[in-house]
N, C-alpha and C. Protein backbone atom coordinates (compact mmCIF):
# COMPACT_ATOMS: atom_id res chain seq x y z
N UNK A 1 170.60 102.50 270.27
CA UNK A 1 171.30 102.71 269.12
C UNK A 1 171.93 101.02 268.60
N UNK A 2 171.71 100.95 267.56
CA UNK A 2 172.04 99.48 266.82
C UNK A 2 173.47 99.28 266.52
N UNK A 3 174.25 98.32 266.66
CA UNK A 3 175.67 97.96 266.49
C UNK A 3 176.25 98.05 265.12
N UNK A 4 175.22 98.48 264.12
CA UNK A 4 175.51 98.31 263.09
C UNK A 4 175.94 99.75 262.86
N UNK A 5 176.70 100.26 261.79
CA UNK A 5 177.15 101.77 261.24
C UNK A 5 176.08 101.85 260.54
N UNK A 6 175.56 103.28 260.45
CA UNK A 6 174.29 104.08 260.15
C UNK A 6 174.89 105.01 259.17
N UNK A 7 174.26 105.38 257.96
CA UNK A 7 174.55 106.34 257.29
C UNK A 7 174.17 107.95 257.88
N UNK A 8 173.32 107.91 258.89
CA UNK A 8 172.85 109.16 259.28
C UNK A 8 172.79 109.08 260.42
N UNK A 9 173.07 109.99 261.73
CA UNK A 9 172.87 110.21 262.97
C UNK A 9 172.31 111.56 262.99
N UNK A 10 171.21 111.78 264.02
CA UNK A 10 170.98 113.10 264.50
C UNK A 10 170.95 113.20 265.94
N UNK A 11 171.39 114.09 266.69
CA UNK A 11 171.17 114.36 267.76
C UNK A 11 171.61 115.47 268.23
N UNK A 12 171.46 115.54 269.69
CA UNK A 12 171.81 117.02 270.66
C UNK A 12 173.15 116.51 271.54
N UNK A 13 174.19 117.60 271.13
CA UNK A 13 175.31 117.23 271.70
C UNK A 13 175.33 118.50 272.82
N UNK A 14 175.59 118.04 274.14
CA UNK A 14 176.05 118.93 275.31
C UNK A 14 177.44 118.85 275.58
N UNK A 15 178.13 119.86 275.97
CA UNK A 15 179.53 120.12 276.01
C UNK A 15 179.10 121.07 277.51
N UNK A 16 180.17 120.88 278.54
CA UNK A 16 180.43 121.53 279.70
C UNK A 16 181.75 121.18 280.20
N UNK A 17 182.09 122.53 280.99
CA UNK A 17 183.44 122.29 281.33
C UNK A 17 183.60 122.10 283.02
N UNK A 18 183.94 121.31 283.63
CA UNK A 18 184.01 120.84 285.27
C UNK A 18 185.25 121.39 285.88
N UNK A 19 185.38 122.15 286.83
CA UNK A 19 186.55 122.45 287.18
C UNK A 19 186.65 121.33 288.35
N UNK A 20 187.83 120.89 288.59
CA UNK A 20 188.19 119.75 289.66
C UNK A 20 189.02 120.48 290.49
N UNK A 21 189.74 119.58 291.40
CA UNK A 21 190.77 120.13 292.28
C UNK A 21 192.01 120.73 291.55
N UNK A 22 192.64 119.86 290.78
CA UNK A 22 193.54 120.55 290.33
C UNK A 22 193.75 120.75 288.55
N UNK A 23 192.55 120.10 288.28
CA UNK A 23 192.45 120.58 286.60
C UNK A 23 190.81 120.77 286.26
N UNK A 24 190.93 121.12 284.94
CA UNK A 24 189.60 121.12 284.09
C UNK A 24 189.11 120.11 283.25
N UNK A 25 188.07 119.51 283.22
CA UNK A 25 187.50 118.53 282.46
C UNK A 25 186.33 118.76 281.63
N UNK A 26 186.47 118.52 280.55
CA UNK A 26 185.15 118.53 279.70
C UNK A 26 184.41 117.36 279.81
N UNK A 27 183.10 117.44 280.04
CA UNK A 27 181.99 116.48 279.88
C UNK A 27 181.18 116.70 278.67
N UNK A 28 180.53 115.56 278.50
CA UNK A 28 179.62 115.64 277.08
C UNK A 28 178.37 114.75 277.39
N UNK A 29 177.38 115.09 276.53
CA UNK A 29 176.07 114.21 276.93
C UNK A 29 175.94 114.10 275.01
N UNK A 30 175.25 113.50 274.52
CA UNK A 30 174.59 113.15 273.35
C UNK A 30 173.15 112.49 273.22
N UNK A 31 172.48 112.94 272.89
CA UNK A 31 171.10 112.53 272.95
C UNK A 31 170.54 112.34 271.46
N UNK A 32 169.92 110.90 271.13
CA UNK A 32 169.48 110.62 269.97
C UNK A 32 168.36 111.49 269.74
N UNK A 33 167.97 111.85 268.63
CA UNK A 33 166.82 112.60 268.17
C UNK A 33 165.55 111.77 267.85
N UNK A 34 166.06 110.54 267.26
CA UNK A 34 165.20 109.42 266.96
C UNK A 34 164.59 108.56 268.40
N UNK A 35 165.58 108.17 269.32
CA UNK A 35 165.07 107.45 270.21
C UNK A 35 164.93 108.20 271.56
N UNK A 36 165.72 109.23 271.47
CA UNK A 36 166.03 109.85 272.76
C UNK A 36 166.95 109.37 273.88
N UNK A 37 167.69 108.54 273.58
CA UNK A 37 168.42 107.88 274.31
C UNK A 37 169.63 108.92 274.67
N UNK A 38 170.06 108.63 275.93
CA UNK A 38 170.88 109.86 275.87
C UNK A 38 172.38 109.01 276.57
N UNK A 39 173.51 109.26 275.81
CA UNK A 39 174.61 108.91 276.60
C UNK A 39 175.64 109.77 277.20
N UNK A 40 176.21 109.70 278.13
CA UNK A 40 177.07 110.99 278.98
C UNK A 40 178.34 110.17 279.00
N UNK A 41 179.28 111.13 278.88
CA UNK A 41 180.70 110.97 278.80
C UNK A 41 181.44 111.86 279.67
N UNK A 42 182.50 111.12 280.51
CA UNK A 42 183.44 111.98 281.28
C UNK A 42 184.63 112.49 280.67
N UNK A 43 184.43 112.28 279.60
CA UNK A 43 185.47 113.13 278.74
C UNK A 43 185.25 113.55 277.14
N UNK A 44 186.09 113.97 276.60
CA UNK A 44 185.99 113.94 275.11
C UNK A 44 186.70 113.05 274.17
N UNK A 45 187.53 112.41 274.85
CA UNK A 45 188.11 111.05 274.33
C UNK A 45 186.81 109.84 274.45
N UNK A 46 186.33 109.98 275.18
CA UNK A 46 185.22 109.18 275.67
C UNK A 46 183.87 109.03 274.45
N UNK A 47 183.95 110.51 274.35
CA UNK A 47 183.02 110.89 273.28
C UNK A 47 183.39 110.32 271.73
N UNK A 48 184.31 110.73 271.82
CA UNK A 48 185.15 110.48 270.21
C UNK A 48 185.13 109.05 269.83
N UNK A 49 185.60 108.19 270.89
CA UNK A 49 185.58 106.71 270.99
C UNK A 49 184.29 106.23 270.68
N UNK A 50 182.87 106.64 271.38
CA UNK A 50 181.86 106.38 271.10
C UNK A 50 181.43 106.69 269.53
N UNK A 51 181.74 108.14 269.22
CA UNK A 51 181.31 108.38 267.84
C UNK A 51 182.33 107.52 266.81
N UNK A 52 183.21 107.10 267.06
CA UNK A 52 184.04 106.16 266.07
C UNK A 52 183.36 105.07 265.73
N UNK A 53 182.95 104.59 266.87
CA UNK A 53 182.13 103.09 267.05
C UNK A 53 180.94 103.23 266.35
N UNK A 54 180.02 104.31 266.57
CA UNK A 54 179.01 104.73 265.76
C UNK A 54 178.95 104.27 264.21
N UNK A 55 180.12 105.29 263.90
CA UNK A 55 180.34 105.07 262.55
C UNK A 55 181.14 103.96 261.85
N UNK A 56 181.99 103.19 262.48
CA UNK A 56 182.55 101.99 262.00
C UNK A 56 184.05 102.69 262.20
N UNK A 57 184.67 101.93 263.46
CA UNK A 57 186.16 102.20 263.51
C UNK A 57 186.75 101.84 261.92
N UNK A 58 187.80 102.55 261.97
CA UNK A 58 188.77 101.99 260.54
C UNK A 58 188.10 102.53 259.12
N UNK A 59 186.89 103.38 259.15
CA UNK A 59 186.17 103.54 257.70
C UNK A 59 187.10 104.83 257.49
N UNK A 60 186.92 105.12 256.31
CA UNK A 60 187.76 106.18 255.58
C UNK A 60 187.05 107.29 256.24
N UNK A 61 186.09 107.67 256.88
CA UNK A 61 185.80 108.99 257.33
C UNK A 61 186.47 109.06 258.46
N UNK A 62 187.13 108.04 259.48
CA UNK A 62 187.22 108.19 260.63
C UNK A 62 189.24 108.37 260.52
N UNK A 63 189.43 107.99 259.25
CA UNK A 63 191.04 107.73 259.16
C UNK A 63 191.54 108.81 258.34
N UNK A 64 190.62 109.62 257.51
CA UNK A 64 191.22 110.41 256.24
C UNK A 64 191.08 111.77 256.91
N UNK A 65 192.48 112.03 257.04
CA UNK A 65 192.64 113.52 257.82
C UNK A 65 192.34 114.64 256.79
N UNK A 66 192.49 114.21 255.46
CA UNK A 66 192.26 115.34 254.58
C UNK A 66 190.77 115.76 254.43
N UNK A 67 189.80 114.85 255.11
CA UNK A 67 188.55 115.29 254.78
C UNK A 67 187.96 115.91 255.89
N UNK A 68 188.67 116.20 256.85
CA UNK A 68 188.29 117.34 257.88
C UNK A 68 188.60 118.44 257.68
N UNK A 69 187.37 119.58 257.96
CA UNK A 69 187.43 120.84 257.44
C UNK A 69 187.47 121.29 258.79
N UNK A 70 188.10 122.41 258.97
CA UNK A 70 187.75 123.28 260.21
C UNK A 70 187.75 124.68 259.53
N UNK A 71 186.74 125.40 259.80
CA UNK A 71 186.29 126.90 259.36
C UNK A 71 186.17 127.79 260.38
N UNK A 72 186.69 128.88 260.23
CA UNK A 72 186.14 130.00 261.70
C UNK A 72 184.68 130.59 261.52
N UNK A 73 184.10 130.63 262.61
CA UNK A 73 182.54 131.05 262.15
C UNK A 73 182.44 132.34 261.64
N UNK A 74 181.48 132.48 261.08
CA UNK A 74 181.40 133.87 260.30
C UNK A 74 181.29 135.07 260.87
N UNK A 75 181.77 135.92 260.68
CA UNK A 75 181.96 137.47 261.34
C UNK A 75 180.64 137.90 261.31
N UNK A 76 179.97 138.63 262.24
CA UNK A 76 178.73 139.21 262.27
C UNK A 76 179.07 140.47 261.42
N UNK A 77 178.01 140.88 260.63
CA UNK A 77 178.28 142.32 260.00
C UNK A 77 177.75 143.46 260.42
């Protein structure tokens, strides 16, 4: 992946939970649809840091919380 922020990224995100000795941790991998490059992350925080760097840290998209919208999944009919 280039170091320049891009206007579009497509990839496959995998998340899984691993149970440790006294805690449960989330792991992640992100694979680029374009290049096939796979990045793995030991925590969600590492994943989020990577994504922030990809879109350019400090951009409006990463700092403006009013742009974040969470909606529940549709209920089956």
